[in-house]
């Protein structure tokens, strides 16, 4: 079966499992990876996993058996390691040639359901590392009411949709000639040094926003109507 995207469910809490199942059902041809307790979420929702990755120290023996029954390939990591479970799962994606250039949708990495703040900061900043740069411009970190897009240099459309009330633009490092166009608040070509933010921007109705920059890493946070 030809896979059209990669779906990763990480270990942070996701309170609305009905929303998660409906969202995952919209990607029937996805390559599915469960990360630690995220693998348990997928298994309990009735999904088959292509991979499960983690140390699984947060699941019981019974829960671990369910994960194994639902998974084609399971990688159990040591509890003490230099990379997080999610880091390791993302490296599995970058090392799999069949997944090159496929969009990557990551759920449960932002912790909006009550996860750890240190994991949130790590999961956003890790894309500045050379190891994960192959994922730039195709990775989406998704929660029910928020989505984070991470971009490499170039010209990028930010899709307008009725559910998005605001969007913010952030630089992870030094960025050259960043512009924001076709939005309520525009930005002329600007160079930044280190972390910089432009928050609470808004879409023009029925029009995609545009961002462009020559170097560095930029991420965009979309926030839904509440």
C-alpha atoms as a PDB file:
ATOM      1  CA  UNK A   1       0.000   0.000   0.000  1.00  0.00           C
ATOM      2  CA  UNK A   2       1.326   3.421  -0.969  1.00  0.00           C
ATOM      3  CA  UNK A   3       1.526   5.677   2.095  1.00  0.00           C
ATOM      4  CA  UNK A   4       0.501   9.284   1.616  1.00  0.00           C
ATOM      5  CA  UNK A   5       1.650  10.640   4.987  1.00  0.00           C
ATOM      6  CA  UNK A   6       3.154   9.742   8.351  1.00  0.00           C
ATOM      7  CA  UNK A   7       1.092   9.955  11.546  1.00  0.00           C
ATOM      8  CA  UNK A   8       2.942  10.018  14.861  1.00  0.00           C
ATOM      9  CA  UNK A   9       1.095   9.879  18.185  1.00  0.00           C
ATOM     10  CA  UNK A  10       3.378  10.967  21.020  1.00  0.00           C
ATOM     11  CA  UNK A  11       2.992  10.351  24.721  1.00  0.00           C
ATOM     12  CA  UNK A  12       1.522  13.619  26.033  1.00  0.00           C
ATOM     13  CA  UNK A  13      -2.111  13.480  27.205  1.00  0.00           C
ATOM     14  CA  UNK A  14      -4.821  13.947  24.558  1.00  0.00           C
ATOM     15  CA  UNK A  15      -8.103  14.430  26.401  1.00  0.00           C
ATOM     16  CA  UNK A  16     -10.468  14.310  23.421  1.00  0.00           C
ATOM     17  CA  UNK A  17      -9.890  10.804  22.074  1.00  0.00           C
ATOM     18  CA  UNK A  18     -13.019  11.056  19.920  1.00  0.00           C
ATOM     19  CA  UNK A  19     -11.456  14.009  18.072  1.00  0.00           C
ATOM     20  CA  UNK A  20      -8.192  12.088  17.751  1.00  0.00           C
ATOM     21  CA  UNK A  21      -9.891   9.038  16.241  1.00  0.00           C
ATOM     22  CA  UNK A  22     -11.901  11.124  13.778  1.00  0.00           C
ATOM     23  CA  UNK A  23      -8.749  12.956  12.739  1.00  0.00           C
ATOM     24  CA  UNK A  24      -6.720   9.767  12.300  1.00  0.00           C
ATOM     25  CA  UNK A  25      -9.568   8.141  10.371  1.00  0.00           C
ATOM     26  CA  UNK A  26      -9.124  10.900   7.773  1.00  0.00           C
ATOM     27  CA  UNK A  27      -5.670   9.441   6.985  1.00  0.00           C
ATOM     28  CA  UNK A  28      -6.471   5.791   6.128  1.00  0.00           C
ATOM     29  CA  UNK A  29      -3.241   5.315   4.147  1.00  0.00           C
ATOM     30  CA  UNK A  30      -0.937   6.786   6.789  1.00  0.00           C
ATOM     31  CA  UNK A  31       2.221   5.151   8.087  1.00  0.00           C
ATOM     32  CA  UNK A  32       1.414   5.063  11.826  1.00  0.00           C
ATOM     33  CA  UNK A  33       3.986   5.356  14.596  1.00  0.00           C
ATOM     34  CA  UNK A  34       3.111   5.281  18.284  1.00  0.00           C
ATOM     35  CA  UNK A  35       5.629   6.785  20.691  1.00  0.00           C
ATOM     36  CA  UNK A  36       5.690   5.250  24.170  1.00  0.00           C
ATOM     37  CA  UNK A  37       2.239   5.839  25.686  1.00  0.00           C
ATOM     38  CA  UNK A  38       1.082   7.214  22.336  1.00  0.00           C
ATOM     39  CA  UNK A  39       1.317   3.643  21.031  1.00  0.00           C
ATOM     40  CA  UNK A  40      -1.189   2.638  23.701  1.00  0.00           C
ATOM     41  CA  UNK A  41      -3.559   5.406  22.579  1.00  0.00           C
ATOM     42  CA  UNK A  42      -3.454   4.112  18.995  1.00  0.00           C
ATOM     43  CA  UNK A  43      -3.923   0.506  20.090  1.00  0.00           C
ATOM     44  CA  UNK A  44      -6.917   1.326  22.281  1.00  0.00           C
ATOM     45  CA  UNK A  45      -8.535   3.229  19.414  1.00  0.00           C
ATOM     46  CA  UNK A  46      -8.286   0.120  17.262  1.00  0.00           C
ATOM     47  CA  UNK A  47      -5.519   1.207  14.897  1.00  0.00           C
ATOM     48  CA  UNK A  48      -2.780  -1.044  13.554  1.00  0.00           C
ATOM     49  CA  UNK A  49       0.672   0.478  14.107  1.00  0.00           C
ATOM     50  CA  UNK A  50       3.478   0.202  11.609  1.00  0.00           C
ATOM     51  CA  UNK A  51       5.916   1.016  14.409  1.00  0.00           C
ATOM     52  CA  UNK A  52       5.929   1.517  18.167  1.00  0.00           C
ATOM     53  CA  UNK A  53       8.976   3.264  19.639  1.00  0.00           C
ATOM     54  CA  UNK A  54       9.802   3.997  23.269  1.00  0.00           C
ATOM     55  CA  UNK A  55      11.077   2.731  26.575  1.00  0.00           C
ATOM     56  CA  UNK A  56       7.464   2.005  27.608  1.00  0.00           C
ATOM     57  CA  UNK A  57       8.215   2.676  31.263  1.00  0.00           C
ATOM     58  CA  UNK A  58       4.839   4.409  31.629  1.00  0.00           C
ATOM     59  CA  UNK A  59       2.692   1.421  30.596  1.00  0.00           C
ATOM     60  CA  UNK A  60       1.728  -1.701  32.514  1.00  0.00           C
ATOM     61  CA  UNK A  61       2.616  -5.221  31.397  1.00  0.00           C
ATOM     62  CA  UNK A  62      -0.951  -5.737  30.190  1.00  0.00           C
ATOM     63  CA  UNK A  63      -0.877  -2.469  28.234  1.00  0.00           C
ATOM     64  CA  UNK A  64       2.488  -3.403  26.716  1.00  0.00           C
ATOM     65  CA  UNK A  65       1.008  -6.710  25.510  1.00  0.00           C
ATOM     66  CA  UNK A  66      -1.793  -4.785  23.766  1.00  0.00           C
ATOM     67  CA  UNK A  67       0.778  -2.555  22.047  1.00  0.00           C
ATOM     68  CA  UNK A  68       2.753  -5.587  20.846  1.00  0.00           C
ATOM     69  CA  UNK A  69      -0.394  -7.222  19.471  1.00  0.00           C
ATOM     70  CA  UNK A  70      -1.245  -4.065  17.491  1.00  0.00           C
ATOM     71  CA  UNK A  71       2.229  -3.332  16.124  1.00  0.00           C
ATOM     72  CA  UNK A  72       4.160  -4.587  13.110  1.00  0.00           C
ATOM     73  CA  UNK A  73       7.584  -3.424  14.350  1.00  0.00           C
ATOM     74  CA  UNK A  74       8.337  -2.584  17.980  1.00  0.00           C
ATOM     75  CA  UNK A  75      11.528  -0.845  19.113  1.00  0.00           C
ATOM     76  CA  UNK A  76      12.028  -0.859  22.885  1.00  0.00           C
ATOM     77  CA  UNK A  77      14.586   1.716  23.963  1.00  0.00           C
ATOM     78  CA  UNK A  78      16.602   1.846  27.192  1.00  0.00           C
ATOM     79  CA  UNK A  79      15.172   4.102  29.862  1.00  0.00           C
ATOM     80  CA  UNK A  80      18.415   6.105  30.122  1.00  0.00           C
ATOM     81  CA  UNK A  81      19.410   7.597  26.766  1.00  0.00           C
ATOM     82  CA  UNK A  82      20.563  10.810  25.108  1.00  0.00           C
ATOM     83  CA  UNK A  83      17.535  11.214  22.813  1.00  0.00           C
ATOM     84  CA  UNK A  84      13.868  11.228  23.794  1.00  0.00           C
ATOM     85  CA  UNK A  85      11.443   8.582  22.590  1.00  0.00           C
ATOM     86  CA  UNK A  86       9.971  11.069  20.097  1.00  0.00           C
ATOM     87  CA  UNK A  87      13.450  11.989  18.841  1.00  0.00           C
ATOM     88  CA  UNK A  88      14.119   8.318  18.111  1.00  0.00           C
ATOM     89  CA  UNK A  89      10.792   7.926  16.314  1.00  0.00           C
ATOM     90  CA  UNK A  90      11.546  10.920  14.094  1.00  0.00           C
ATOM     91  CA  UNK A  91      14.939   9.438  13.214  1.00  0.00           C
ATOM     92  CA  UNK A  92      13.116   6.288  12.094  1.00  0.00           C
ATOM     93  CA  UNK A  93      11.173   8.505   9.674  1.00  0.00           C
ATOM     94  CA  UNK A  94      14.217  10.296   8.271  1.00  0.00           C
ATOM     95  CA  UNK A  95      16.046   6.982   7.769  1.00  0.00           C
ATOM     96  CA  UNK A  96      13.158   5.340   5.879  1.00  0.00           C
ATOM     97  CA  UNK A  97      13.486   6.149   2.142  1.00  0.00           C
ATOM     98  CA  UNK A  98       9.845   5.252   1.470  1.00  0.00           C
ATOM     99  CA  UNK A  99       8.761   8.125   3.737  1.00  0.00           C
ATOM    100  CA  UNK A 100      10.899  10.810   2.091  1.00  0.00           C
ATOM    101  CA  UNK A 101       8.949  14.007   1.388  1.00  0.00           C
ATOM    102  CA  UNK A 102       5.750  12.662   2.968  1.00  0.00           C
ATOM    103  CA  UNK A 103       3.942  15.080   5.290  1.00  0.00           C
ATOM    104  CA  UNK A 104       4.425  14.219   8.966  1.00  0.00           C
ATOM    105  CA  UNK A 105       1.550  14.853  11.398  1.00  0.00           C
ATOM    106  CA  UNK A 106       2.521  14.634  15.074  1.00  0.00           C
ATOM    107  CA  UNK A 107      -0.173  14.475  17.753  1.00  0.00           C
ATOM    108  CA  UNK A 108       0.445  14.753  21.487  1.00  0.00           C
ATOM    109  CA  UNK A 109       3.764  16.595  21.262  1.00  0.00           C
ATOM    110  CA  UNK A 110       2.570  20.012  22.459  1.00  0.00           C
ATOM    111  CA  UNK A 111       1.023  18.858  25.721  1.00  0.00           C
ATOM    112  CA  UNK A 112      -2.114  21.014  25.524  1.00  0.00           C
ATOM    113  CA  UNK A 113      -3.926  18.153  27.260  1.00  0.00           C
ATOM    114  CA  UNK A 114      -1.681  18.528  30.308  1.00  0.00           C
ATOM    115  CA  UNK A 115       1.783  17.338  29.300  1.00  0.00           C
ATOM    116  CA  UNK A 116       5.182  18.466  30.554  1.00  0.00           C
ATOM    117  CA  UNK A 117       6.446  21.961  29.709  1.00  0.00           C
ATOM    118  CA  UNK A 118      10.036  20.753  29.273  1.00  0.00           C
ATOM    119  CA  UNK A 119       8.864  18.253  26.642  1.00  0.00           C
ATOM    120  CA  UNK A 120       6.914  20.999  24.844  1.00  0.00           C
ATOM    121  CA  UNK A 121       9.954  23.282  24.615  1.00  0.00           C
ATOM    122  CA  UNK A 122      12.172  20.408  23.533  1.00  0.00           C
ATOM    123  CA  UNK A 123       9.733  19.229  20.860  1.00  0.00           C
ATOM    124  CA  UNK A 124       9.568  22.660  19.244  1.00  0.00           C
ATOM    125  CA  UNK A 125      13.286  23.418  19.451  1.00  0.00           C
ATOM    126  CA  UNK A 126      14.512  20.038  18.198  1.00  0.00           C
ATOM    127  CA  UNK A 127      13.918  21.075  14.580  1.00  0.00           C
ATOM    128  CA  UNK A 128      16.849  23.474  14.828  1.00  0.00           C
ATOM    129  CA  UNK A 129      19.139  20.439  15.117  1.00  0.00           C
ATOM    130  CA  UNK A 130      20.846  19.061  12.032  1.00  0.00           C
ATOM    131  CA  UNK A 131      19.449  15.569  12.714  1.00  0.00           C
ATOM    132  CA  UNK A 132      15.887  16.695  12.118  1.00  0.00           C
ATOM    133  CA  UNK A 133      16.281  19.242   9.318  1.00  0.00           C
ATOM    134  CA  UNK A 134      14.996  16.735   6.702  1.00  0.00           C
ATOM    135  CA  UNK A 135      11.579  17.161   8.354  1.00  0.00           C
ATOM    136  CA  UNK A 136      11.428  20.944   7.928  1.00  0.00           C
ATOM    137  CA  UNK A 137       8.497  22.268   5.873  1.00  0.00           C
ATOM    138  CA  UNK A 138       6.647  18.944   6.069  1.00  0.00           C
ATOM    139  CA  UNK A 139       6.100  18.535   9.802  1.00  0.00           C
ATOM    140  CA  UNK A 140       2.880  19.534  11.584  1.00  0.00           C
ATOM    141  CA  UNK A 141       2.546  19.419  15.394  1.00  0.00           C
ATOM    142  CA  UNK A 142      -1.190  19.136  15.950  1.00  0.00           C
ATOM    143  CA  UNK A 143      -3.537  19.491  18.910  1.00  0.00           C
ATOM    144  CA  UNK A 144      -7.304  19.952  18.863  1.00  0.00           C
ATOM    145  CA  UNK A 145      -7.162  23.758  18.938  1.00  0.00           C
ATOM    146  CA  UNK A 146      -3.606  24.458  17.762  1.00  0.00           C
ATOM    147  CA  UNK A 147      -1.166  23.528  15.046  1.00  0.00           C
ATOM    148  CA  UNK A 148       2.536  24.313  14.686  1.00  0.00           C
ATOM    149  CA  UNK A 149       4.235  24.399  11.269  1.00  0.00           C
ATOM    150  CA  UNK A 150       8.035  24.456  11.046  1.00  0.00           C
ATOM    151  CA  UNK A 151       9.669  25.867   7.911  1.00  0.00           C
ATOM    152  CA  UNK A 152      13.034  25.954   6.203  1.00  0.00           C
ATOM    153  CA  UNK A 153      14.007  28.986   4.083  1.00  0.00           C
ATOM    154  CA  UNK A 154      11.804  29.722   1.106  1.00  0.00           C
ATOM    155  CA  UNK A 155       8.319  30.883   0.160  1.00  0.00           C
ATOM    156  CA  UNK A 156       5.441  29.357   2.151  1.00  0.00           C
ATOM    157  CA  UNK A 157       1.644  29.600   2.035  1.00  0.00           C
ATOM    158  CA  UNK A 158      -0.174  29.493   5.372  1.00  0.00           C
ATOM    159  CA  UNK A 159      -3.607  28.100   4.563  1.00  0.00           C
ATOM    160  CA  UNK A 160      -6.542  30.182   5.751  1.00  0.00           C
ATOM    161  CA  UNK A 161      -9.441  28.248   7.272  1.00  0.00           C
ATOM    162  CA  UNK A 162     -12.528  29.410   9.201  1.00  0.00           C
ATOM    163  CA  UNK A 163     -11.415  27.562  12.357  1.00  0.00           C
ATOM    164  CA  UNK A 164      -8.178  29.555  12.724  1.00  0.00           C
ATOM    165  CA  UNK A 165      -8.627  32.778  14.678  1.00  0.00           C
ATOM    166  CA  UNK A 166      -4.975  33.794  15.026  1.00  0.00           C
ATOM    167  CA  UNK A 167      -1.538  32.877  13.832  1.00  0.00           C
ATOM    168  CA  UNK A 168       1.858  33.761  15.252  1.00  0.00           C
ATOM    169  CA  UNK A 169       5.252  33.727  13.556  1.00  0.00           C
ATOM    170  CA  UNK A 170       8.388  32.833  15.521  1.00  0.00           C
ATOM    171  CA  UNK A 171      12.060  32.496  14.650  1.00  0.00           C
ATOM    172  CA  UNK A 172      14.048  29.683  16.250  1.00  0.00           C
ATOM    173  CA  UNK A 173      17.411  31.221  15.363  1.00  0.00           C
ATOM    174  CA  UNK A 174      18.895  34.015  13.264  1.00  0.00           C
ATOM    175  CA  UNK A 175      16.714  34.631  10.215  1.00  0.00           C
ATOM    176  CA  UNK A 176      17.344  36.838   7.197  1.00  0.00           C
ATOM    177  CA  UNK A 177      14.808  38.806   5.170  1.00  0.00           C
ATOM    178  CA  UNK A 178      11.639  37.500   6.811  1.00  0.00           C
ATOM    179  CA  UNK A 179       8.429  38.912   5.346  1.00  0.00           C
ATOM    180  CA  UNK A 180       4.740  38.381   6.143  1.00  0.00           C
ATOM    181  CA  UNK A 181       2.255  39.222   3.393  1.00  0.00           C
ATOM    182  CA  UNK A 182      -1.468  38.870   2.704  1.00  0.00           C
ATOM    183  CA  UNK A 183      -2.299  39.054   6.418  1.00  0.00           C
ATOM    184  CA  UNK A 184      -3.910  41.651   8.675  1.00  0.00           C
ATOM    185  CA  UNK A 185      -0.456  42.675   9.910  1.00  0.00           C
ATOM    186  CA  UNK A 186       2.345  42.559   7.355  1.00  0.00           C
ATOM    187  CA  UNK A 187       6.087  42.570   7.906  1.00  0.00           C
ATOM    188  CA  UNK A 188       8.653  44.167   5.636  1.00  0.00           C
ATOM    189  CA  UNK A 189      11.949  42.265   5.082  1.00  0.00           C
ATOM    190  CA  UNK A 190      13.450  41.854   8.555  1.00  0.00           C
ATOM    191  CA  UNK A 191      16.586  40.191   9.926  1.00  0.00           C
ATOM    192  CA  UNK A 192      16.485  38.654  13.407  1.00  0.00           C
ATOM    193  CA  UNK A 193      19.066  37.376  15.862  1.00  0.00           C
ATOM    194  CA  UNK A 194      17.826  34.470  17.947  1.00  0.00           C
ATOM    195  CA  UNK A 195      14.261  33.921  19.127  1.00  0.00           C
ATOM    196  CA  UNK A 196      11.787  36.585  17.950  1.00  0.00           C
ATOM    197  CA  UNK A 197       7.985  36.559  17.774  1.00  0.00           C
ATOM    198  CA  UNK A 198       5.079  38.245  16.016  1.00  0.00           C
ATOM    199  CA  UNK A 199       1.892  37.011  17.664  1.00  0.00           C
ATOM    200  CA  UNK A 200      -1.874  37.514  17.299  1.00  0.00           C
ATOM    201  CA  UNK A 201      -1.826  38.058  13.557  1.00  0.00           C
ATOM    202  CA  UNK A 202      -5.017  37.327  11.638  1.00  0.00           C
ATOM    203  CA  UNK A 203      -5.910  35.993   8.218  1.00  0.00           C
ATOM    204  CA  UNK A 204      -7.660  38.107   5.629  1.00  0.00           C
ATOM    205  CA  UNK A 205     -10.940  36.222   4.984  1.00  0.00           C
ATOM    206  CA  UNK A 206     -10.674  33.662   2.181  1.00  0.00           C
ATOM    207  CA  UNK A 207      -7.002  34.424   1.567  1.00  0.00           C
ATOM    208  CA  UNK A 208      -3.880  32.458   2.450  1.00  0.00           C
ATOM    209  CA  UNK A 209      -1.076  34.290   4.225  1.00  0.00           C
ATOM    210  CA  UNK A 210       2.458  34.275   2.826  1.00  0.00           C
ATOM    211  CA  UNK A 211       5.787  34.131   4.611  1.00  0.00           C
ATOM    212  CA  UNK A 212       9.203  34.204   3.006  1.00  0.00           C
ATOM    213  CA  UNK A 213      12.764  34.195   4.352  1.00  0.00           C
ATOM    214  CA  UNK A 214      16.291  33.489   3.114  1.00  0.00           C
ATOM    215  CA  UNK A 215      17.952  31.670   6.027  1.00  0.00           C
ATOM    216  CA  UNK A 216      17.182  30.230   9.446  1.00  0.00           C
ATOM    217  CA  UNK A 217      14.139  28.381  10.790  1.00  0.00           C
ATOM    218  CA  UNK A 218      10.660  29.835  11.265  1.00  0.00           C
ATOM    219  CA  UNK A 219       7.640  28.262  12.882  1.00  0.00           C
ATOM    220  CA  UNK A 220       4.015  29.335  12.669  1.00  0.00           C
ATOM    221  CA  UNK A 221       1.441  28.662  15.392  1.00  0.00           C
ATOM    222  CA  UNK A 222      -2.204  28.493  14.328  1.00  0.00           C
ATOM    223  CA  UNK A 223      -4.823  28.977  17.053  1.00  0.00           C
ATOM    224  CA  UNK A 224      -8.452  27.930  16.641  1.00  0.00           C
ATOM    225  CA  UNK A 225     -11.637  29.713  17.609  1.00  0.00           C
ATOM    226  CA  UNK A 226     -12.659  28.751  21.139  1.00  0.00           C
END
